[in-house]
Amino acid sequence: MIKINLLPVRAERRKEFIRKQLSIAALAIFFAIAVMGLLFVRLQGQLNNAESSLARTNKKIRQLAPVIKKIETYKKQKDEISKKIAVIIDLDRYRLAPVVVLSDLNLQRPEKLWFTDLKENSRHLTISGVAIDNETIVTFLNNLKQSIPLQNSDLTLLRSQNIKKLELKKFTIDCPLNLDALPEMLKKLEPAAPVSISEEEGQNG
């Protein structure tokens, strides 16, 4: 009987198997390194693009800095001019306020009541005067409640005073001025349009 020694064949097969495994591992490592290299190159490219874009943006910001500063200066100037215009408009709107208030005040004044002093400060009117009796002052206060600019009036002083042997009632009234309805009140003070001669002739037939 012939005996064949298979150990060298098995050893050779084992070596071949190991060589194949090593080749596969080497190829896997090579592909992994290649993929990592490609990813690195791609990420590096994106990073370079981002840095370039950031550099361009910073350059534009530096270039626009003087323009932005001028814009901020113009904005401040615009705000200041707007405030001045608002003050001018407000002054122009209320320049006839004293005429309106005095006209309305005279309408509300009872017959036996006289003003001795009128002071206006920050849209606050202080009325000082004398009246024949307390009832006249009460009537005046009630009349002021019907006045649009003077409806929040408040009596702050009331006392007797002899003037030329007459016992009169001295008073002081504090009035916050409400000028919201000033335009409407101005319209009421406007004189009526004059009638032309031709219109008069037409009316007279």
C-alpha atoms as a PDB file:
ATOM      1  CA  MET A   1       0.000   0.000   0.000  1.00  0.00           C
ATOM      2  CA  ILE A   2       1.347   3.331  -1.054  1.00  0.00           C
ATOM      3  CA  LYS A   3       1.155   6.205   1.459  1.00  0.00           C
ATOM      4  CA  ILE A   4       1.012   9.757   0.139  1.00  0.00           C
ATOM      5  CA  ASN A   5       2.102  12.581   2.411  1.00  0.00           C
ATOM      6  CA  LEU A   6      -0.486  15.396   2.005  1.00  0.00           C
ATOM      7  CA  LEU A   7       1.028  17.754   4.558  1.00  0.00           C
ATOM      8  CA  PRO A   8       3.039  19.795   2.019  1.00  0.00           C
ATOM      9  CA  VAL A   9      -0.084  20.205  -0.142  1.00  0.00           C
ATOM     10  CA  ARG A  10      -2.134  21.399   2.814  1.00  0.00           C
ATOM     11  CA  ALA A  11       0.578  23.761   3.866  1.00  0.00           C
ATOM     12  CA  GLU A  12       0.785  25.148   0.363  1.00  0.00           C
ATOM     13  CA  ARG A  13      -3.001  25.613   0.271  1.00  0.00           C
ATOM     14  CA  ARG A  14      -2.900  27.347   3.645  1.00  0.00           C
ATOM     15  CA  LYS A  15      -0.218  29.715   2.416  1.00  0.00           C
ATOM     16  CA  GLU A  16      -2.249  30.441  -0.698  1.00  0.00           C
ATOM     17  CA  PHE A  17      -5.332  31.172   1.412  1.00  0.00           C
ATOM     18  CA  ILE A  18      -3.318  33.495   3.624  1.00  0.00           C
ATOM     19  CA  ARG A  19      -1.900  35.262   0.580  1.00  0.00           C
ATOM     20  CA  LYS A  20      -5.430  35.780  -0.766  1.00  0.00           C
ATOM     21  CA  GLN A  21      -6.648  37.133   2.581  1.00  0.00           C
ATOM     22  CA  LEU A  22      -3.688  39.473   2.767  1.00  0.00           C
ATOM     23  CA  SER A  23      -4.340  40.677  -0.783  1.00  0.00           C
ATOM     24  CA  ILE A  24      -8.001  41.322   0.021  1.00  0.00           C
ATOM     25  CA  ALA A  25      -7.037  43.169   3.186  1.00  0.00           C
ATOM     26  CA  ALA A  26      -4.459  45.197   1.282  1.00  0.00           C
ATOM     27  CA  LEU A  27      -7.007  46.074  -1.399  1.00  0.00           C
ATOM     28  CA  ALA A  28      -9.560  47.063   1.289  1.00  0.00           C
ATOM     29  CA  ILE A  29      -7.003  49.239   3.020  1.00  0.00           C
ATOM     30  CA  PHE A  30      -6.005  50.750  -0.321  1.00  0.00           C
ATOM     31  CA  PHE A  31      -9.618  51.563  -1.204  1.00  0.00           C
ATOM     32  CA  ALA A  32     -10.239  52.966   2.280  1.00  0.00           C
ATOM     33  CA  ILE A  33      -7.161  55.174   1.989  1.00  0.00           C
ATOM     34  CA  ALA A  34      -8.228  56.218  -1.523  1.00  0.00           C
ATOM     35  CA  VAL A  35     -11.743  57.112  -0.345  1.00  0.00           C
ATOM     36  CA  MET A  36     -10.354  58.993   2.637  1.00  0.00           C
ATOM     37  CA  GLY A  37      -7.970  60.811   0.341  1.00  0.00           C
ATOM     38  CA  LEU A  38     -10.771  61.786  -2.018  1.00  0.00           C
ATOM     39  CA  LEU A  39     -12.891  62.972   0.917  1.00  0.00           C
ATOM     40  CA  PHE A  40      -9.950  64.908   2.290  1.00  0.00           C
ATOM     41  CA  VAL A  41      -9.292  66.542  -1.080  1.00  0.00           C
ATOM     42  CA  ARG A  42     -12.986  67.398  -1.438  1.00  0.00           C
ATOM     43  CA  LEU A  43     -13.266  68.807   2.086  1.00  0.00           C
ATOM     44  CA  GLN A  44     -10.032  70.709   1.594  1.00  0.00           C
ATOM     45  CA  GLY A  45     -11.442  72.193  -1.595  1.00  0.00           C
ATOM     46  CA  GLN A  46     -14.656  73.204   0.190  1.00  0.00           C
ATOM     47  CA  LEU A  47     -12.624  74.700   3.024  1.00  0.00           C
ATOM     48  CA  ASN A  48     -10.486  76.642   0.567  1.00  0.00           C
ATOM     49  CA  ASN A  49     -13.629  77.912  -1.204  1.00  0.00           C
ATOM     50  CA  ALA A  50     -15.165  78.916   2.128  1.00  0.00           C
ATOM     51  CA  GLU A  51     -11.999  80.723   3.169  1.00  0.00           C
ATOM     52  CA  SER A  52     -11.850  82.488  -0.187  1.00  0.00           C
ATOM     53  CA  SER A  53     -15.518  83.482   0.080  1.00  0.00           C
ATOM     54  CA  LEU A  54     -14.978  84.704   3.645  1.00  0.00           C
ATOM     55  CA  ALA A  55     -11.953  86.702   2.544  1.00  0.00           C
ATOM     56  CA  ARG A  56     -13.957  88.299  -0.294  1.00  0.00           C
ATOM     57  CA  THR A  57     -16.824  89.072   2.092  1.00  0.00           C
ATOM     58  CA  ASN A  58     -14.486  90.667   4.631  1.00  0.00           C
ATOM     59  CA  LYS A  59     -12.892  92.678   1.839  1.00  0.00           C
ATOM     60  CA  LYS A  60     -16.321  93.921   0.710  1.00  0.00           C
ATOM     61  CA  ILE A  61     -17.222  94.760   4.311  1.00  0.00           C
ATOM     62  CA  ARG A  62     -14.027  96.794   4.651  1.00  0.00           C
ATOM     63  CA  GLN A  63     -14.793  98.526   1.372  1.00  0.00           C
ATOM     64  CA  LEU A  64     -18.381  99.246   2.429  1.00  0.00           C
ATOM     65  CA  ALA A  65     -17.466 100.411   5.949  1.00  0.00           C
ATOM     66  CA  PRO A  66     -17.155 104.109   4.930  1.00  0.00           C
ATOM     67  CA  VAL A  67     -20.445 103.885   3.017  1.00  0.00           C
ATOM     68  CA  ILE A  68     -22.197 102.294   6.010  1.00  0.00           C
ATOM     69  CA  LYS A  69     -20.779 105.005   8.249  1.00  0.00           C
ATOM     70  CA  LYS A  70     -22.109 107.696   5.907  1.00  0.00           C
ATOM     71  CA  ILE A  71     -25.506 105.988   5.809  1.00  0.00           C
ATOM     72  CA  GLU A  72     -25.641 105.943   9.624  1.00  0.00           C
ATOM     73  CA  THR A  73     -24.680 109.628   9.672  1.00  0.00           C
ATOM     74  CA  TYR A  74     -27.392 110.447   7.114  1.00  0.00           C
ATOM     75  CA  LYS A  75     -29.898 108.421   9.146  1.00  0.00           C
ATOM     76  CA  LYS A  76     -29.086 110.410  12.289  1.00  0.00           C
ATOM     77  CA  GLN A  77     -29.366 113.655  10.335  1.00  0.00           C
ATOM     78  CA  LYS A  78     -32.681 112.490   8.890  1.00  0.00           C
ATOM     79  CA  ASP A  79     -34.015 111.704  12.389  1.00  0.00           C
ATOM     80  CA  GLU A  80     -32.924 115.125  13.646  1.00  0.00           C
ATOM     81  CA  ILE A  81     -34.493 116.861  10.641  1.00  0.00           C
ATOM     82  CA  SER A  82     -37.704 114.842  11.111  1.00  0.00           C
ATOM     83  CA  LYS A  83     -37.885 115.948  14.748  1.00  0.00           C
ATOM     84  CA  LYS A  84     -37.344 119.585  13.755  1.00  0.00           C
ATOM     85  CA  ILE A  85     -39.994 119.314  11.041  1.00  0.00           C
ATOM     86  CA  ALA A  86     -42.416 117.783  13.562  1.00  0.00           C
ATOM     87  CA  VAL A  87     -41.777 120.701  15.940  1.00  0.00           C
ATOM     88  CA  ILE A  88     -42.310 123.212  13.118  1.00  0.00           C
ATOM     89  CA  ILE A  89     -45.545 121.489  12.041  1.00  0.00           C
ATOM     90  CA  ASP A  90     -46.718 121.413  15.644  1.00  0.00           C
ATOM     91  CA  LEU A  91     -45.936 125.109  16.107  1.00  0.00           C
ATOM     92  CA  ASP A  92     -47.649 126.003  12.861  1.00  0.00           C
ATOM     93  CA  ARG A  93     -50.680 123.897  13.745  1.00  0.00           C
ATOM     94  CA  TYR A  94     -51.111 125.530  17.138  1.00  0.00           C
ATOM     95  CA  ARG A  95     -50.005 129.080  16.370  1.00  0.00           C
ATOM     96  CA  LEU A  96     -53.663 130.156  16.312  1.00  0.00           C
ATOM     97  CA  ALA A  97     -54.465 128.246  19.498  1.00  0.00           C
ATOM     98  CA  PRO A  98     -54.432 131.387  21.709  1.00  0.00           C
ATOM     99  CA  VAL A  99     -57.004 133.052  19.448  1.00  0.00           C
ATOM    100  CA  VAL A 100     -59.260 129.996  19.563  1.00  0.00           C
ATOM    101  CA  VAL A 101     -58.913 129.537  23.319  1.00  0.00           C
ATOM    102  CA  LEU A 102     -59.511 133.213  24.111  1.00  0.00           C
ATOM    103  CA  SER A 103     -62.525 133.294  21.820  1.00  0.00           C
ATOM    104  CA  ASP A 104     -63.980 130.204  23.461  1.00  0.00           C
ATOM    105  CA  LEU A 105     -63.107 131.496  26.925  1.00  0.00           C
ATOM    106  CA  ASN A 106     -64.960 134.733  26.268  1.00  0.00           C
ATOM    107  CA  LEU A 107     -68.029 132.801  25.104  1.00  0.00           C
ATOM    108  CA  GLN A 108     -68.100 130.784  28.334  1.00  0.00           C
ATOM    109  CA  ARG A 109     -67.628 133.821  30.632  1.00  0.00           C
ATOM    110  CA  PRO A 110     -70.729 134.897  32.555  1.00  0.00           C
ATOM    111  CA  GLU A 111     -71.710 138.533  32.555  1.00  0.00           C
ATOM    112  CA  LYS A 112     -70.661 139.313  36.142  1.00  0.00           C
ATOM    113  CA  LEU A 113     -67.252 137.673  35.973  1.00  0.00           C
ATOM    114  CA  TRP A 114     -64.000 139.343  34.917  1.00  0.00           C
ATOM    115  CA  PHE A 115     -60.539 138.033  34.144  1.00  0.00           C
ATOM    116  CA  THR A 116     -57.547 139.655  35.848  1.00  0.00           C
ATOM    117  CA  ASP A 117     -54.779 137.387  34.555  1.00  0.00           C
ATOM    118  CA  LEU A 118     -54.286 134.595  32.018  1.00  0.00           C
ATOM    119  CA  LYS A 119     -51.118 132.493  31.960  1.00  0.00           C
ATOM    120  CA  GLU A 120     -50.300 129.701  29.523  1.00  0.00           C
ATOM    121  CA  ASN A 121     -47.435 127.279  30.053  1.00  0.00           C
ATOM    122  CA  SER A 122     -46.877 123.908  28.362  1.00  0.00           C
ATOM    123  CA  ARG A 123     -50.500 123.718  27.187  1.00  0.00           C
ATOM    124  CA  HIS A 124     -51.729 124.583  30.651  1.00  0.00           C
ATOM    125  CA  LEU A 125     -53.878 127.683  31.145  1.00  0.00           C
ATOM    126  CA  THR A 126     -54.223 129.398  34.516  1.00  0.00           C
ATOM    127  CA  ILE A 127     -57.201 131.758  34.740  1.00  0.00           C
ATOM    128  CA  SER A 128     -57.362 134.353  37.514  1.00  0.00           C
ATOM    129  CA  GLY A 129     -60.271 136.717  37.994  1.00  0.00           C
ATOM    130  CA  VAL A 130     -63.068 138.050  40.157  1.00  0.00           C
ATOM    131  CA  ALA A 131     -66.805 137.476  40.183  1.00  0.00           C
ATOM    132  CA  ILE A 132     -69.781 139.043  41.842  1.00  0.00           C
ATOM    133  CA  ASP A 133     -70.561 135.884  43.841  1.00  0.00           C
ATOM    134  CA  ASN A 134     -69.836 132.164  44.161  1.00  0.00           C
ATOM    135  CA  GLU A 135     -72.791 131.194  41.992  1.00  0.00           C
ATOM    136  CA  THR A 136     -71.291 133.091  39.052  1.00  0.00           C
ATOM    137  CA  ILE A 137     -68.026 131.178  39.441  1.00  0.00           C
ATOM    138  CA  VAL A 138     -69.929 127.886  39.569  1.00  0.00           C
ATOM    139  CA  THR A 139     -71.767 128.895  36.382  1.00  0.00           C
ATOM    140  CA  PHE A 140     -68.446 129.675  34.734  1.00  0.00           C
ATOM    141  CA  LEU A 141     -67.027 126.265  35.738  1.00  0.00           C
ATOM    142  CA  ASN A 142     -70.104 124.523  34.346  1.00  0.00           C
ATOM    143  CA  ASN A 143     -69.749 126.497  31.125  1.00  0.00           C
ATOM    144  CA  LEU A 144     -66.104 125.429  30.841  1.00  0.00           C
ATOM    145  CA  LYS A 145     -67.187 121.782  30.990  1.00  0.00           C
ATOM    146  CA  GLN A 146     -68.906 122.404  27.656  1.00  0.00           C
ATOM    147  CA  SER A 147     -65.725 123.859  26.175  1.00  0.00           C
ATOM    148  CA  ILE A 148     -63.607 121.421  24.151  1.00  0.00           C
ATOM    149  CA  PRO A 149     -60.192 122.916  24.966  1.00  0.00           C
ATOM    150  CA  LEU A 150     -61.060 123.809  28.589  1.00  0.00           C
ATOM    151  CA  GLN A 151     -63.411 121.045  29.687  1.00  0.00           C
ATOM    152  CA  ASN A 152     -61.025 119.639  32.345  1.00  0.00           C
ATOM    153  CA  SER A 153     -60.873 122.867  34.338  1.00  0.00           C
ATOM    154  CA  ASP A 154     -60.389 122.769  38.094  1.00  0.00           C
ATOM    155  CA  LEU A 155     -60.959 125.506  40.702  1.00  0.00           C
ATOM    156  CA  THR A 156     -57.748 125.916  42.743  1.00  0.00           C
ATOM    157  CA  LEU A 157     -58.446 129.166  44.633  1.00  0.00           C
ATOM    158  CA  LEU A 158     -61.569 130.892  45.937  1.00  0.00           C
ATOM    159  CA  ARG A 159     -61.624 133.714  48.465  1.00  0.00           C
ATOM    160  CA  SER A 160     -63.335 137.023  49.165  1.00  0.00           C
ATOM    161  CA  GLN A 161     -61.679 140.301  48.182  1.00  0.00           C
ATOM    162  CA  ASN A 162     -62.757 143.924  48.611  1.00  0.00           C
ATOM    163  CA  ILE A 163     -62.268 146.009  45.495  1.00  0.00           C
ATOM    164  CA  LYS A 164     -63.475 149.627  45.611  1.00  0.00           C
ATOM    165  CA  LYS A 165     -65.717 148.857  48.603  1.00  0.00           C
ATOM    166  CA  LEU A 166     -67.235 145.888  46.762  1.00  0.00           C
ATOM    167  CA  GLU A 167     -66.901 142.422  48.214  1.00  0.00           C
ATOM    168  CA  LEU A 168     -66.039 140.225  45.252  1.00  0.00           C
ATOM    169  CA  LYS A 169     -64.969 136.624  44.930  1.00  0.00           C
ATOM    170  CA  LYS A 170     -61.431 136.089  43.714  1.00  0.00           C
ATOM    171  CA  PHE A 171     -60.735 132.787  41.964  1.00  0.00           C
ATOM    172  CA  THR A 172     -58.039 130.841  40.153  1.00  0.00           C
ATOM    173  CA  ILE A 173     -58.856 128.049  37.741  1.00  0.00           C
ATOM    174  CA  ASP A 174     -56.359 125.575  36.318  1.00  0.00           C
ATOM    175  CA  CYS A 175     -57.136 124.347  32.777  1.00  0.00           C
ATOM    176  CA  PRO A 176     -55.188 121.653  30.895  1.00  0.00           C
ATOM    177  CA  LEU A 177     -55.541 122.655  27.253  1.00  0.00           C
ATOM    178  CA  ASN A 178     -57.038 120.038  24.967  1.00  0.00           C
ATOM    179  CA  LEU A 179     -56.207 121.140  21.422  1.00  0.00           C
ATOM    180  CA  ASP A 180     -57.029 117.912  19.579  1.00  0.00           C
ATOM    181  CA  ALA A 181     -60.139 119.505  18.091  1.00  0.00           C
ATOM    182  CA  LEU A 182     -58.317 122.719  17.175  1.00  0.00           C
ATOM    183  CA  PRO A 183     -58.681 122.286  13.368  1.00  0.00           C
ATOM    184  CA  GLU A 184     -62.442 121.870  13.691  1.00  0.00           C
ATOM    185  CA  MET A 185     -62.662 124.875  15.993  1.00  0.00           C
ATOM    186  CA  LEU A 186     -60.654 126.971  13.535  1.00  0.00           C
ATOM    187  CA  LYS A 187     -63.184 126.204  10.833  1.00  0.00           C
ATOM    188  CA  LYS A 188     -65.928 127.639  13.025  1.00  0.00           C
ATOM    189  CA  LEU A 189     -63.960 130.867  13.366  1.00  0.00           C
ATOM    190  CA  GLU A 190     -63.428 131.253   9.618  1.00  0.00           C
ATOM    191  CA  PRO A 191     -65.518 134.124   8.185  1.00  0.00           C
ATOM    192  CA  ALA A 192     -68.264 133.209   5.771  1.00  0.00           C
ATOM    193  CA  ALA A 193     -67.462 133.631   2.092  1.00  0.00           C
ATOM    194  CA  PRO A 194     -68.565 137.077   0.820  1.00  0.00           C
ATOM    195  CA  VAL A 195     -71.547 137.161  -1.466  1.00  0.00           C
ATOM    196  CA  SER A 196     -70.781 138.622  -4.892  1.00  0.00           C
ATOM    197  CA  ILE A 197     -72.861 141.397  -6.439  1.00  0.00           C
ATOM    198  CA  SER A 198     -74.209 139.075  -9.106  1.00  0.00           C
ATOM    199  CA  GLU A 199     -75.405 136.662  -6.409  1.00  0.00           C
ATOM    200  CA  GLU A 200     -77.105 139.517  -4.538  1.00  0.00           C
ATOM    201  CA  GLU A 201     -78.808 140.630  -7.722  1.00  0.00           C
ATOM    202  CA  GLY A 202     -79.941 137.084  -8.396  1.00  0.00           C
ATOM    203  CA  GLN A 203     -81.356 136.777  -4.890  1.00  0.00           C
ATOM    204  CA  ASN A 204     -83.122 140.111  -5.196  1.00  0.00           C
ATOM    205  CA  GLY A 205     -84.558 138.961  -8.510  1.00  0.00           C
END
